[in-house]
């Protein structure tokens, strides 16, 4: 989509601090981190949210997430978040997973 921020990042029309990329996904550091490690993982193909996630893309995203966790040496744990829709807190309508680590994550996440 021509006006999608994350599509522009995936196309490298907007700069991001990339930590992982392959033909299917891209991961980059969040510009407003809420944890010491805050990485966004997106599919290169535009889809609005996790409800559009197919098996093939899910497989690539999960493999990338595992590689990022290993590369970043996230050893004490992490939180994986996918906000969906207005009430779910989604602000960019391109599927993305937040990989959050580096501090204790409280519950409920609220």
C-alpha atoms as a PDB file:
ATOM      1  CA  UNK A   1       0.000   0.000   0.000  1.00  0.00           C
ATOM      2  CA  UNK A   2       1.406   3.347  -1.036  1.00  0.00           C
ATOM      3  CA  UNK A   3       0.589   5.185   2.222  1.00  0.00           C
ATOM      4  CA  UNK A   4       1.559   2.407   4.664  1.00  0.00           C
ATOM      5  CA  UNK A   5       4.507   3.351   6.897  1.00  0.00           C
ATOM      6  CA  UNK A   6       5.694  -0.228   7.317  1.00  0.00           C
ATOM      7  CA  UNK A   7       5.418  -0.965   3.584  1.00  0.00           C
ATOM      8  CA  UNK A   8       7.676   2.051   3.004  1.00  0.00           C
ATOM      9  CA  UNK A   9      10.140   0.701   5.567  1.00  0.00           C
ATOM     10  CA  UNK A  10      10.047  -2.742   3.911  1.00  0.00           C
ATOM     11  CA  UNK A  11      10.716  -1.087   0.542  1.00  0.00           C
ATOM     12  CA  UNK A  12      13.536   0.913   2.198  1.00  0.00           C
ATOM     13  CA  UNK A  13      11.914   4.202   1.248  1.00  0.00           C
ATOM     14  CA  UNK A  14      12.049   5.118   4.954  1.00  0.00           C
ATOM     15  CA  UNK A  15      15.137   4.417   7.065  1.00  0.00           C
ATOM     16  CA  UNK A  16      14.946   1.989   9.969  1.00  0.00           C
ATOM     17  CA  UNK A  17      17.552   0.282  12.142  1.00  0.00           C
ATOM     18  CA  UNK A  18      17.192  -3.182  10.619  1.00  0.00           C
ATOM     19  CA  UNK A  19      18.167  -6.161  12.768  1.00  0.00           C
ATOM     20  CA  UNK A  20      16.970  -8.960  10.466  1.00  0.00           C
ATOM     21  CA  UNK A  21      15.689  -9.344   6.926  1.00  0.00           C
ATOM     22  CA  UNK A  22      15.059 -11.994   4.332  1.00  0.00           C
ATOM     23  CA  UNK A  23      12.810 -12.314   1.290  1.00  0.00           C
ATOM     24  CA  UNK A  24       9.654 -12.613   3.425  1.00  0.00           C
ATOM     25  CA  UNK A  25      10.085 -10.508   6.562  1.00  0.00           C
ATOM     26  CA  UNK A  26      11.906  -7.496   7.980  1.00  0.00           C
ATOM     27  CA  UNK A  27      12.686  -6.635  11.604  1.00  0.00           C
ATOM     28  CA  UNK A  28      13.792  -3.274  12.942  1.00  0.00           C
ATOM     29  CA  UNK A  29      14.162  -1.396  16.216  1.00  0.00           C
ATOM     30  CA  UNK A  30      11.100   0.539  17.381  1.00  0.00           C
ATOM     31  CA  UNK A  31      11.677   4.310  17.355  1.00  0.00           C
ATOM     32  CA  UNK A  32       9.685   4.652  20.609  1.00  0.00           C
ATOM     33  CA  UNK A  33      10.799   1.611  22.622  1.00  0.00           C
ATOM     34  CA  UNK A  34       8.853   0.555  25.709  1.00  0.00           C
ATOM     35  CA  UNK A  35      11.538  -1.929  26.780  1.00  0.00           C
ATOM     36  CA  UNK A  36      15.339  -2.044  26.489  1.00  0.00           C
ATOM     37  CA  UNK A  37      14.910  -4.401  23.522  1.00  0.00           C
ATOM     38  CA  UNK A  38      11.924  -3.461  21.351  1.00  0.00           C
ATOM     39  CA  UNK A  39      11.972  -4.894  17.853  1.00  0.00           C
ATOM     40  CA  UNK A  40       9.165  -4.853  15.295  1.00  0.00           C
ATOM     41  CA  UNK A  41       8.856  -7.836  12.962  1.00  0.00           C
ATOM     42  CA  UNK A  42       6.766  -7.363   9.817  1.00  0.00           C
ATOM     43  CA  UNK A  43       5.929  -9.364   6.721  1.00  0.00           C
ATOM     44  CA  UNK A  44       7.111  -7.701   3.514  1.00  0.00           C
ATOM     45  CA  UNK A  45       3.661  -8.332   2.046  1.00  0.00           C
ATOM     46  CA  UNK A  46       1.031  -5.924   3.339  1.00  0.00           C
ATOM     47  CA  UNK A  47      -1.704  -7.366   5.505  1.00  0.00           C
ATOM     48  CA  UNK A  48      -3.697  -5.316   7.967  1.00  0.00           C
ATOM     49  CA  UNK A  49      -3.333  -7.501  11.061  1.00  0.00           C
ATOM     50  CA  UNK A  50      -2.862 -11.007  12.370  1.00  0.00           C
ATOM     51  CA  UNK A  51      -6.280 -12.071  11.059  1.00  0.00           C
ATOM     52  CA  UNK A  52      -4.818 -12.009   7.532  1.00  0.00           C
ATOM     53  CA  UNK A  53      -1.821 -14.141   8.482  1.00  0.00           C
ATOM     54  CA  UNK A  54      -1.526 -17.293   6.406  1.00  0.00           C
ATOM     55  CA  UNK A  55       0.408 -20.428   7.270  1.00  0.00           C
ATOM     56  CA  UNK A  56       3.358 -19.664   4.976  1.00  0.00           C
ATOM     57  CA  UNK A  57       3.881 -16.132   6.299  1.00  0.00           C
ATOM     58  CA  UNK A  58       3.400 -17.352   9.878  1.00  0.00           C
ATOM     59  CA  UNK A  59       6.137 -19.939   9.326  1.00  0.00           C
ATOM     60  CA  UNK A  60       8.546 -17.256   8.081  1.00  0.00           C
ATOM     61  CA  UNK A  61       7.697 -14.865  10.905  1.00  0.00           C
ATOM     62  CA  UNK A  62       8.167 -17.550  13.567  1.00  0.00           C
ATOM     63  CA  UNK A  63      11.521 -18.605  12.097  1.00  0.00           C
ATOM     64  CA  UNK A  64      12.654 -14.960  11.968  1.00  0.00           C
ATOM     65  CA  UNK A  65      11.504 -14.368  15.552  1.00  0.00           C
ATOM     66  CA  UNK A  66      13.562 -17.351  16.742  1.00  0.00           C
ATOM     67  CA  UNK A  67      16.625 -16.083  14.859  1.00  0.00           C
ATOM     68  CA  UNK A  68      16.227 -12.558  16.262  1.00  0.00           C
ATOM     69  CA  UNK A  69      15.941 -13.905  19.824  1.00  0.00           C
ATOM     70  CA  UNK A  70      19.170 -15.879  19.278  1.00  0.00           C
ATOM     71  CA  UNK A  71      21.004 -12.994  17.569  1.00  0.00           C
ATOM     72  CA  UNK A  72      19.972 -10.493  20.251  1.00  0.00           C
ATOM     73  CA  UNK A  73      20.921 -12.982  22.996  1.00  0.00           C
ATOM     74  CA  UNK A  74      17.531 -12.662  24.644  1.00  0.00           C
ATOM     75  CA  UNK A  75      18.143 -15.227  27.369  1.00  0.00           C
ATOM     76  CA  UNK A  76      15.861 -14.247  30.256  1.00  0.00           C
ATOM     77  CA  UNK A  77      12.677 -14.204  28.200  1.00  0.00           C
ATOM     78  CA  UNK A  78      10.604 -11.894  26.066  1.00  0.00           C
ATOM     79  CA  UNK A  79       7.069 -10.878  25.259  1.00  0.00           C
ATOM     80  CA  UNK A  80       5.636 -11.223  21.747  1.00  0.00           C
ATOM     81  CA  UNK A  81       2.728  -8.845  21.088  1.00  0.00           C
ATOM     82  CA  UNK A  82       0.463  -8.363  18.099  1.00  0.00           C
ATOM     83  CA  UNK A  83      -2.050  -5.555  18.557  1.00  0.00           C
ATOM     84  CA  UNK A  84      -5.167  -5.951  16.413  1.00  0.00           C
ATOM     85  CA  UNK A  85      -7.719  -3.242  15.747  1.00  0.00           C
ATOM     86  CA  UNK A  86      -8.556  -0.041  17.566  1.00  0.00           C
ATOM     87  CA  UNK A  87      -9.460  -1.650  20.902  1.00  0.00           C
ATOM     88  CA  UNK A  88      -6.392  -3.894  20.676  1.00  0.00           C
ATOM     89  CA  UNK A  89      -4.152  -0.831  20.497  1.00  0.00           C
ATOM     90  CA  UNK A  90      -3.121  -1.155  16.851  1.00  0.00           C
ATOM     91  CA  UNK A  91      -1.841   2.164  15.494  1.00  0.00           C
ATOM     92  CA  UNK A  92      -0.118   1.052  12.275  1.00  0.00           C
ATOM     93  CA  UNK A  93      -2.410  -1.108  10.159  1.00  0.00           C
ATOM     94  CA  UNK A  94       0.254  -3.439   8.792  1.00  0.00           C
ATOM     95  CA  UNK A  95       0.726  -6.691  10.687  1.00  0.00           C
ATOM     96  CA  UNK A  96       3.638  -6.409  13.103  1.00  0.00           C
ATOM     97  CA  UNK A  97       4.890  -8.272  16.108  1.00  0.00           C
ATOM     98  CA  UNK A  98       6.566  -6.468  18.972  1.00  0.00           C
ATOM     99  CA  UNK A  99       9.458  -8.437  20.470  1.00  0.00           C
ATOM    100  CA  UNK A 100       9.959  -6.921  23.941  1.00  0.00           C
ATOM    101  CA  UNK A 101      12.720  -7.841  26.351  1.00  0.00           C
ATOM    102  CA  UNK A 102      15.320  -6.542  28.748  1.00  0.00           C
ATOM    103  CA  UNK A 103      13.059  -5.957  31.740  1.00  0.00           C
ATOM    104  CA  UNK A 104      10.392  -7.800  33.696  1.00  0.00           C
ATOM    105  CA  UNK A 105       7.042  -7.693  31.892  1.00  0.00           C
ATOM    106  CA  UNK A 106       4.164  -7.172  34.313  1.00  0.00           C
ATOM    107  CA  UNK A 107       0.720  -8.738  34.118  1.00  0.00           C
ATOM    108  CA  UNK A 108      -1.863  -7.768  33.126  1.00  0.00           C
ATOM    109  CA  UNK A 109      -0.211  -5.933  30.222  1.00  0.00           C
ATOM    110  CA  UNK A 110      -2.969  -3.263  30.108  1.00  0.00           C
END
